[in-house]
Amino acid sequence: MKLDSPWFDRIRVARGESRPQPQVTRCDHPGCREPGVHRAPKGRERENEYWRFCLAHVRAYNQNYNFFSGMSDEAVMAYQKDSQTGHRPTWTMGQNAAGATPEARAKAERARGGKNRGWASGFAFDDAFHMFDEDGPSGKPQKPERELKNVERKSLEALNLGASASGEEIKARYKELVKRLHPDANGGDRSTEDKLREIIQAYNYLRSAGFC
């Protein structure tokens, strides 16, 4: 673009034209007429509010500033402790707003219709599938599975039973398999003798181990 172009004249700032100066607030110290270009916090319970001071008065203010002014030692310690959690409420482990006391837990229980939630009875939440009921999702009491040794697990597998099988179930399955695999029940066929022997050994072991 040429310097004598009319387009250049339109965008060029005219000589001598003064640009507007930003307004500066005066110092908030009484009687001071200096610009208040430095911010200083107004103090406790007035967060995000600031004074405007000149350099000399902001230095004097900062030297005498005490956030805890007017508070007792106990109040200062309590404030510092609460500041560790951002001044938010906290609860002891195993408690919440609905289960901090027995009375509150009972009230929460009544609000849910009085249904017992087992170990989660002190917590207010919607368990639509009853996963945390004492009776379990099926509505039947849930038996805790035993911790089985390897030989115990193999003995139960030989009878096609799981770890939660009761003594009555073990006896019933043993009688069923013996009748099915015995040569007399198969017209004298002895091809199932090895399996029958395995069933008898498994049952005898489970009985000696106290499973039935």
C-alpha atoms as a PDB file:
ATOM      1  CA  MET A   1       0.000   0.000   0.000  1.00  0.00           C
ATOM      2  CA  LYS A   2       1.289   3.436  -0.920  1.00  0.00           C
ATOM      3  CA  LEU A   3       1.838   5.911   1.866  1.00  0.00           C
ATOM      4  CA  ASP A   4      -0.200   8.574   0.016  1.00  0.00           C
ATOM      5  CA  SER A   5      -3.115   6.222  -0.489  1.00  0.00           C
ATOM      6  CA  PRO A   6      -6.503   7.510   0.791  1.00  0.00           C
ATOM      7  CA  TRP A   7      -7.086   4.088   2.352  1.00  0.00           C
ATOM      8  CA  PHE A   8      -3.966   4.539   4.451  1.00  0.00           C
ATOM      9  CA  ASP A   9      -5.195   7.956   5.612  1.00  0.00           C
ATOM     10  CA  ARG A  10      -8.454   6.453   6.850  1.00  0.00           C
ATOM     11  CA  ILE A  11      -6.808   3.934   9.129  1.00  0.00           C
ATOM     12  CA  ARG A  12      -3.925   6.151  10.237  1.00  0.00           C
ATOM     13  CA  VAL A  13      -4.214   7.726  13.664  1.00  0.00           C
ATOM     14  CA  ALA A  14      -4.207  11.479  13.388  1.00  0.00           C
ATOM     15  CA  ARG A  15      -1.260  13.299  14.902  1.00  0.00           C
ATOM     16  CA  GLY A  16      -1.870  14.824  18.266  1.00  0.00           C
ATOM     17  CA  GLU A  17      -4.955  12.721  18.929  1.00  0.00           C
ATOM     18  CA  SER A  18      -4.901  11.645  22.599  1.00  0.00           C
ATOM     19  CA  ARG A  19      -6.040   8.159  23.493  1.00  0.00           C
ATOM     20  CA  PRO A  20      -8.420   7.760  26.451  1.00  0.00           C
ATOM     21  CA  GLN A  21      -6.608   6.873  29.610  1.00  0.00           C
ATOM     22  CA  PRO A  22      -8.013   4.104  31.821  1.00  0.00           C
ATOM     23  CA  GLN A  23      -9.628   5.349  34.989  1.00  0.00           C
ATOM     24  CA  VAL A  24      -7.775   4.404  38.157  1.00  0.00           C
ATOM     25  CA  THR A  25      -9.558   4.200  41.487  1.00  0.00           C
ATOM     26  CA  ARG A  26      -8.133   6.352  44.222  1.00  0.00           C
ATOM     27  CA  CYS A  27      -6.572   4.824  47.320  1.00  0.00           C
ATOM     28  CA  ASP A  28      -9.157   3.724  49.895  1.00  0.00           C
ATOM     29  CA  HIS A  29      -7.105   5.015  52.803  1.00  0.00           C
ATOM     30  CA  PRO A  30      -8.843   8.064  54.298  1.00  0.00           C
ATOM     31  CA  GLY A  31      -7.422  11.326  52.944  1.00  0.00           C
ATOM     32  CA  CYS A  32      -5.105   9.670  50.393  1.00  0.00           C
ATOM     33  CA  ARG A  33      -5.417  10.931  46.795  1.00  0.00           C
ATOM     34  CA  GLU A  34      -2.891   8.535  45.242  1.00  0.00           C
ATOM     35  CA  PRO A  35      -4.045   5.919  42.700  1.00  0.00           C
ATOM     36  CA  GLY A  36      -5.208   2.692  44.343  1.00  0.00           C
ATOM     37  CA  VAL A  37      -3.483   0.218  42.053  1.00  0.00           C
ATOM     38  CA  HIS A  38      -2.827  -2.486  44.681  1.00  0.00           C
ATOM     39  CA  ARG A  39      -5.480  -4.854  45.986  1.00  0.00           C
ATOM     40  CA  ALA A  40      -5.738  -5.964  49.627  1.00  0.00           C
ATOM     41  CA  PRO A  41      -8.256  -8.515  50.992  1.00  0.00           C
ATOM     42  CA  LYS A  42     -10.983  -7.153  53.261  1.00  0.00           C
ATOM     43  CA  GLY A  43     -10.744 -10.123  55.613  1.00  0.00           C
ATOM     44  CA  ARG A  44     -12.636 -13.089  57.002  1.00  0.00           C
ATOM     45  CA  GLU A  45     -16.269 -13.518  55.922  1.00  0.00           C
ATOM     46  CA  ARG A  46     -15.686 -10.976  53.155  1.00  0.00           C
ATOM     47  CA  GLU A  47     -13.911 -13.256  50.705  1.00  0.00           C
ATOM     48  CA  ASN A  48     -13.463 -11.970  47.135  1.00  0.00           C
ATOM     49  CA  GLU A  49     -13.742  -8.373  48.385  1.00  0.00           C
ATOM     50  CA  TYR A  50     -10.700  -6.096  48.224  1.00  0.00           C
ATOM     51  CA  TRP A  51      -9.510  -2.659  49.241  1.00  0.00           C
ATOM     52  CA  ARG A  52      -7.611  -0.503  46.746  1.00  0.00           C
ATOM     53  CA  PHE A  53      -4.493   1.083  48.167  1.00  0.00           C
ATOM     54  CA  CYS A  54      -1.459   2.938  46.925  1.00  0.00           C
ATOM     55  CA  LEU A  55       1.929   1.313  47.422  1.00  0.00           C
ATOM     56  CA  ALA A  56       2.660   2.973  50.769  1.00  0.00           C
ATOM     57  CA  HIS A  57      -0.703   2.160  52.306  1.00  0.00           C
ATOM     58  CA  VAL A  58      -0.877  -1.425  50.998  1.00  0.00           C
ATOM     59  CA  ARG A  59       2.466  -2.114  52.667  1.00  0.00           C
ATOM     60  CA  ALA A  60       1.196  -0.728  55.960  1.00  0.00           C
ATOM     61  CA  TYR A  61      -2.040  -2.704  55.637  1.00  0.00           C
ATOM     62  CA  ASN A  62      -0.221  -5.978  54.934  1.00  0.00           C
ATOM     63  CA  GLN A  63       2.053  -5.556  57.950  1.00  0.00           C
ATOM     64  CA  ASN A  64      -0.923  -5.304  60.309  1.00  0.00           C
ATOM     65  CA  TYR A  65      -3.282  -7.716  58.509  1.00  0.00           C
ATOM     66  CA  ASN A  66      -4.525 -10.648  60.647  1.00  0.00           C
ATOM     67  CA  PHE A  67      -7.092 -12.987  59.118  1.00  0.00           C
ATOM     68  CA  PHE A  68      -7.953 -14.465  62.529  1.00  0.00           C
ATOM     69  CA  SER A  69      -8.412 -11.154  64.298  1.00  0.00           C
ATOM     70  CA  GLY A  70     -11.146 -11.353  66.971  1.00  0.00           C
ATOM     71  CA  MET A  71     -11.168 -15.178  67.092  1.00  0.00           C
ATOM     72  CA  SER A  72     -10.300 -17.267  70.150  1.00  0.00           C
ATOM     73  CA  ASP A  73      -7.549 -19.885  70.046  1.00  0.00           C
ATOM     74  CA  GLU A  74     -10.163 -22.666  69.990  1.00  0.00           C
ATOM     75  CA  ALA A  75     -11.966 -21.009  67.079  1.00  0.00           C
ATOM     76  CA  VAL A  76      -8.702 -20.624  65.158  1.00  0.00           C
ATOM     77  CA  MET A  77      -7.835 -24.315  65.659  1.00  0.00           C
ATOM     78  CA  ALA A  78     -11.336 -25.373  64.582  1.00  0.00           C
ATOM     79  CA  TYR A  79     -11.110 -23.183  61.475  1.00  0.00           C
ATOM     80  CA  GLN A  80      -7.723 -24.609  60.516  1.00  0.00           C
ATOM     81  CA  LYS A  81      -9.009 -28.165  61.006  1.00  0.00           C
ATOM     82  CA  ASP A  82     -12.073 -27.523  58.828  1.00  0.00           C
ATOM     83  CA  SER A  83      -9.901 -25.948  56.132  1.00  0.00           C
ATOM     84  CA  GLN A  84      -8.284 -29.347  55.526  1.00  0.00           C
ATOM     85  CA  THR A  85     -11.591 -30.554  54.021  1.00  0.00           C
ATOM     86  CA  GLY A  86     -12.484 -27.259  52.383  1.00  0.00           C
ATOM     87  CA  HIS A  87     -14.945 -26.482  55.225  1.00  0.00           C
ATOM     88  CA  ARG A  88     -17.210 -29.279  53.994  1.00  0.00           C
ATOM     89  CA  PRO A  89     -19.058 -31.639  56.389  1.00  0.00           C
ATOM     90  CA  THR A  90     -17.473 -35.039  57.043  1.00  0.00           C
ATOM     91  CA  TRP A  91     -18.695 -38.287  58.609  1.00  0.00           C
ATOM     92  CA  THR A  92     -17.036 -41.082  60.537  1.00  0.00           C
ATOM     93  CA  MET A  93     -16.294 -44.225  58.516  1.00  0.00           C
ATOM     94  CA  GLY A  94     -19.325 -46.513  58.433  1.00  0.00           C
ATOM     95  CA  GLN A  95     -21.778 -43.636  58.933  1.00  0.00           C
ATOM     96  CA  ASN A  96     -23.560 -41.141  56.735  1.00  0.00           C
ATOM     97  CA  ALA A  97     -26.313 -38.608  57.047  1.00  0.00           C
ATOM     98  CA  ALA A  98     -28.956 -41.365  57.032  1.00  0.00           C
ATOM     99  CA  GLY A  99     -27.156 -43.725  59.389  1.00  0.00           C
ATOM    100  CA  ALA A 100     -25.119 -41.716  61.853  1.00  0.00           C
ATOM    101  CA  THR A 101     -27.243 -42.823  64.823  1.00  0.00           C
ATOM    102  CA  PRO A 102     -29.543 -45.782  65.544  1.00  0.00           C
ATOM    103  CA  GLU A 103     -32.529 -43.435  65.467  1.00  0.00           C
ATOM    104  CA  ALA A 104     -31.539 -42.103  62.039  1.00  0.00           C
ATOM    105  CA  ARG A 105     -30.973 -45.630  60.723  1.00  0.00           C
ATOM    106  CA  ALA A 106     -34.415 -46.690  61.966  1.00  0.00           C
ATOM    107  CA  LYS A 107     -35.969 -43.651  60.320  1.00  0.00           C
ATOM    108  CA  ALA A 108     -34.254 -44.442  57.018  1.00  0.00           C
ATOM    109  CA  GLU A 109     -35.433 -48.056  57.336  1.00  0.00           C
ATOM    110  CA  ARG A 110     -39.048 -46.954  57.767  1.00  0.00           C
ATOM    111  CA  ALA A 111     -38.706 -44.634  54.767  1.00  0.00           C
ATOM    112  CA  ARG A 112     -37.764 -47.657  52.650  1.00  0.00           C
ATOM    113  CA  GLY A 113     -40.773 -49.634  53.844  1.00  0.00           C
ATOM    114  CA  GLY A 114     -39.018 -51.388  56.719  1.00  0.00           C
ATOM    115  CA  LYS A 115     -37.245 -53.928  54.470  1.00  0.00           C
ATOM    116  CA  ASN A 116     -33.960 -55.108  55.916  1.00  0.00           C
ATOM    117  CA  ARG A 117     -31.013 -54.545  53.610  1.00  0.00           C
ATOM    118  CA  GLY A 118     -28.585 -56.786  55.503  1.00  0.00           C
ATOM    119  CA  TRP A 119     -25.153 -55.252  55.998  1.00  0.00           C
ATOM    120  CA  ALA A 120     -26.293 -52.215  53.973  1.00  0.00           C
ATOM    121  CA  SER A 121     -29.254 -51.456  56.238  1.00  0.00           C
ATOM    122  CA  GLY A 122     -27.728 -48.158  57.381  1.00  0.00           C
ATOM    123  CA  PHE A 123     -27.486 -46.727  53.856  1.00  0.00           C
ATOM    124  CA  ALA A 124     -30.318 -45.116  51.944  1.00  0.00           C
ATOM    125  CA  PHE A 125     -30.211 -46.237  48.315  1.00  0.00           C
ATOM    126  CA  ASP A 126     -32.557 -47.941  45.886  1.00  0.00           C
ATOM    127  CA  ASP A 127     -31.711 -51.640  45.458  1.00  0.00           C
ATOM    128  CA  ALA A 128     -34.189 -52.537  42.719  1.00  0.00           C
ATOM    129  CA  PHE A 129     -32.678 -55.974  42.116  1.00  0.00           C
ATOM    130  CA  HIS A 130     -32.266 -56.758  45.848  1.00  0.00           C
ATOM    131  CA  MET A 131     -28.587 -57.490  45.396  1.00  0.00           C
ATOM    132  CA  PHE A 132     -27.833 -56.422  48.982  1.00  0.00           C
ATOM    133  CA  ASP A 133     -30.744 -58.132  50.727  1.00  0.00           C
ATOM    134  CA  GLU A 134     -29.928 -60.717  53.379  1.00  0.00           C
ATOM    135  CA  ASP A 135     -31.899 -63.211  51.271  1.00  0.00           C
ATOM    136  CA  GLY A 136     -29.981 -62.362  48.102  1.00  0.00           C
ATOM    137  CA  PRO A 137     -31.418 -61.699  44.614  1.00  0.00           C
ATOM    138  CA  SER A 138     -33.379 -64.981  44.490  1.00  0.00           C
ATOM    139  CA  GLY A 139     -35.184 -64.383  47.785  1.00  0.00           C
ATOM    140  CA  LYS A 140     -33.609 -67.499  49.315  1.00  0.00           C
ATOM    141  CA  PRO A 141     -30.972 -67.412  52.072  1.00  0.00           C
ATOM    142  CA  GLN A 142     -27.512 -67.412  50.585  1.00  0.00           C
ATOM    143  CA  LYS A 143     -25.048 -69.911  52.016  1.00  0.00           C
ATOM    144  CA  PRO A 144     -21.436 -68.791  52.116  1.00  0.00           C
ATOM    145  CA  GLU A 145     -19.340 -71.133  49.992  1.00  0.00           C
ATOM    146  CA  ARG A 146     -16.709 -73.196  51.790  1.00  0.00           C
ATOM    147  CA  GLU A 147     -13.041 -72.748  51.116  1.00  0.00           C
ATOM    148  CA  LEU A 148     -12.290 -76.127  49.598  1.00  0.00           C
ATOM    149  CA  LYS A 149      -9.078 -78.040  49.365  1.00  0.00           C
ATOM    150  CA  ASN A 150      -8.173 -79.446  45.989  1.00  0.00           C
ATOM    151  CA  VAL A 151      -9.133 -83.038  46.915  1.00  0.00           C
ATOM    152  CA  GLU A 152     -12.478 -81.847  48.320  1.00  0.00           C
ATOM    153  CA  ARG A 153     -13.264 -79.924  45.159  1.00  0.00           C
ATOM    154  CA  LYS A 154     -12.418 -82.928  42.966  1.00  0.00           C
ATOM    155  CA  SER A 155     -14.579 -85.199  45.123  1.00  0.00           C
ATOM    156  CA  LEU A 156     -17.559 -82.874  44.730  1.00  0.00           C
ATOM    157  CA  GLU A 157     -16.923 -82.585  40.986  1.00  0.00           C
ATOM    158  CA  ALA A 158     -16.944 -86.374  40.747  1.00  0.00           C
ATOM    159  CA  LEU A 159     -20.501 -86.229  42.100  1.00  0.00           C
ATOM    160  CA  ASN A 160     -21.348 -83.289  39.799  1.00  0.00           C
ATOM    161  CA  LEU A 161     -21.889 -81.007  42.818  1.00  0.00           C
ATOM    162  CA  GLY A 162     -20.747 -77.510  43.693  1.00  0.00           C
ATOM    163  CA  ALA A 163     -19.023 -76.143  46.778  1.00  0.00           C
ATOM    164  CA  SER A 164     -22.329 -75.116  48.387  1.00  0.00           C
ATOM    165  CA  ALA A 165     -23.818 -78.644  48.280  1.00  0.00           C
ATOM    166  CA  SER A 166     -25.370 -79.755  51.570  1.00  0.00           C
ATOM    167  CA  GLY A 167     -24.872 -83.122  53.245  1.00  0.00           C
ATOM    168  CA  GLU A 168     -28.336 -84.262  52.134  1.00  0.00           C
ATOM    169  CA  GLU A 169     -27.567 -83.337  48.527  1.00  0.00           C
ATOM    170  CA  ILE A 170     -24.288 -85.293  48.635  1.00  0.00           C
ATOM    171  CA  LYS A 171     -26.019 -88.421  50.009  1.00  0.00           C
ATOM    172  CA  ALA A 172     -28.863 -88.186  47.498  1.00  0.00           C
ATOM    173  CA  ARG A 173     -26.488 -87.756  44.557  1.00  0.00           C
ATOM    174  CA  TYR A 174     -24.316 -90.660  45.735  1.00  0.00           C
ATOM    175  CA  LYS A 175     -27.309 -93.026  45.913  1.00  0.00           C
ATOM    176  CA  GLU A 176     -28.517 -91.874  42.505  1.00  0.00           C
ATOM    177  CA  LEU A 177     -25.149 -92.442  40.814  1.00  0.00           C
ATOM    178  CA  VAL A 178     -24.559 -95.834  42.461  1.00  0.00           C
ATOM    179  CA  LYS A 179     -27.929 -97.106  41.240  1.00  0.00           C
ATOM    180  CA  ARG A 180     -27.251 -95.773  37.743  1.00  0.00           C
ATOM    181  CA  LEU A 181     -23.665 -97.079  37.386  1.00  0.00           C
ATOM    182  CA  HIS A 182     -23.896-100.433  39.183  1.00  0.00           C
ATOM    183  CA  PRO A 183     -23.409-103.403  36.788  1.00  0.00           C
ATOM    184  CA  ASP A 184     -26.617-105.011  38.049  1.00  0.00           C
ATOM    185  CA  ALA A 185     -28.533-101.989  36.805  1.00  0.00           C
ATOM    186  CA  ASN A 186     -26.851-102.256  33.375  1.00  0.00           C
ATOM    187  CA  GLY A 187     -27.442-105.927  32.602  1.00  0.00           C
ATOM    188  CA  GLY A 188     -24.052-106.998  33.964  1.00  0.00           C
ATOM    189  CA  ASP A 189     -22.129-104.415  31.892  1.00  0.00           C
ATOM    190  CA  ARG A 190     -18.863-103.664  33.757  1.00  0.00           C
ATOM    191  CA  SER A 191     -17.746-100.724  31.612  1.00  0.00           C
ATOM    192  CA  THR A 192     -18.915 -98.308  34.295  1.00  0.00           C
ATOM    193  CA  GLU A 193     -17.032 -99.936  37.164  1.00  0.00           C
ATOM    194  CA  ASP A 194     -14.171 -97.420  37.074  1.00  0.00           C
ATOM    195  CA  LYS A 195     -16.576 -94.508  37.296  1.00  0.00           C
ATOM    196  CA  LEU A 196     -18.496 -96.261  40.062  1.00  0.00           C
ATOM    197  CA  ARG A 197     -15.273 -96.804  42.009  1.00  0.00           C
ATOM    198  CA  GLU A 198     -14.455 -93.090  41.643  1.00  0.00           C
ATOM    199  CA  ILE A 199     -17.902 -92.157  42.955  1.00  0.00           C
ATOM    200  CA  ILE A 200     -17.549 -94.436  45.994  1.00  0.00           C
ATOM    201  CA  GLN A 201     -14.073 -93.103  46.818  1.00  0.00           C
ATOM    202  CA  ALA A 202     -15.244 -89.493  46.505  1.00  0.00           C
ATOM    203  CA  TYR A 203     -18.250 -90.098  48.738  1.00  0.00           C
ATOM    204  CA  ASN A 204     -16.205 -91.908  51.392  1.00  0.00           C
ATOM    205  CA  TYR A 205     -13.725 -89.041  51.485  1.00  0.00           C
ATOM    206  CA  LEU A 206     -16.448 -86.383  51.812  1.00  0.00           C
ATOM    207  CA  ARG A 207     -18.089 -88.347  54.595  1.00  0.00           C
ATOM    208  CA  SER A 208     -14.803 -88.712  56.491  1.00  0.00           C
ATOM    209  CA  ALA A 209     -14.185 -84.966  56.053  1.00  0.00           C
ATOM    210  CA  GLY A 210     -17.542 -84.167  57.630  1.00  0.00           C
ATOM    211  CA  PHE A 211     -19.357 -83.004  54.512  1.00  0.00           C
ATOM    212  CA  CYS A 212     -22.202 -85.467  55.028  1.00  0.00           C
END
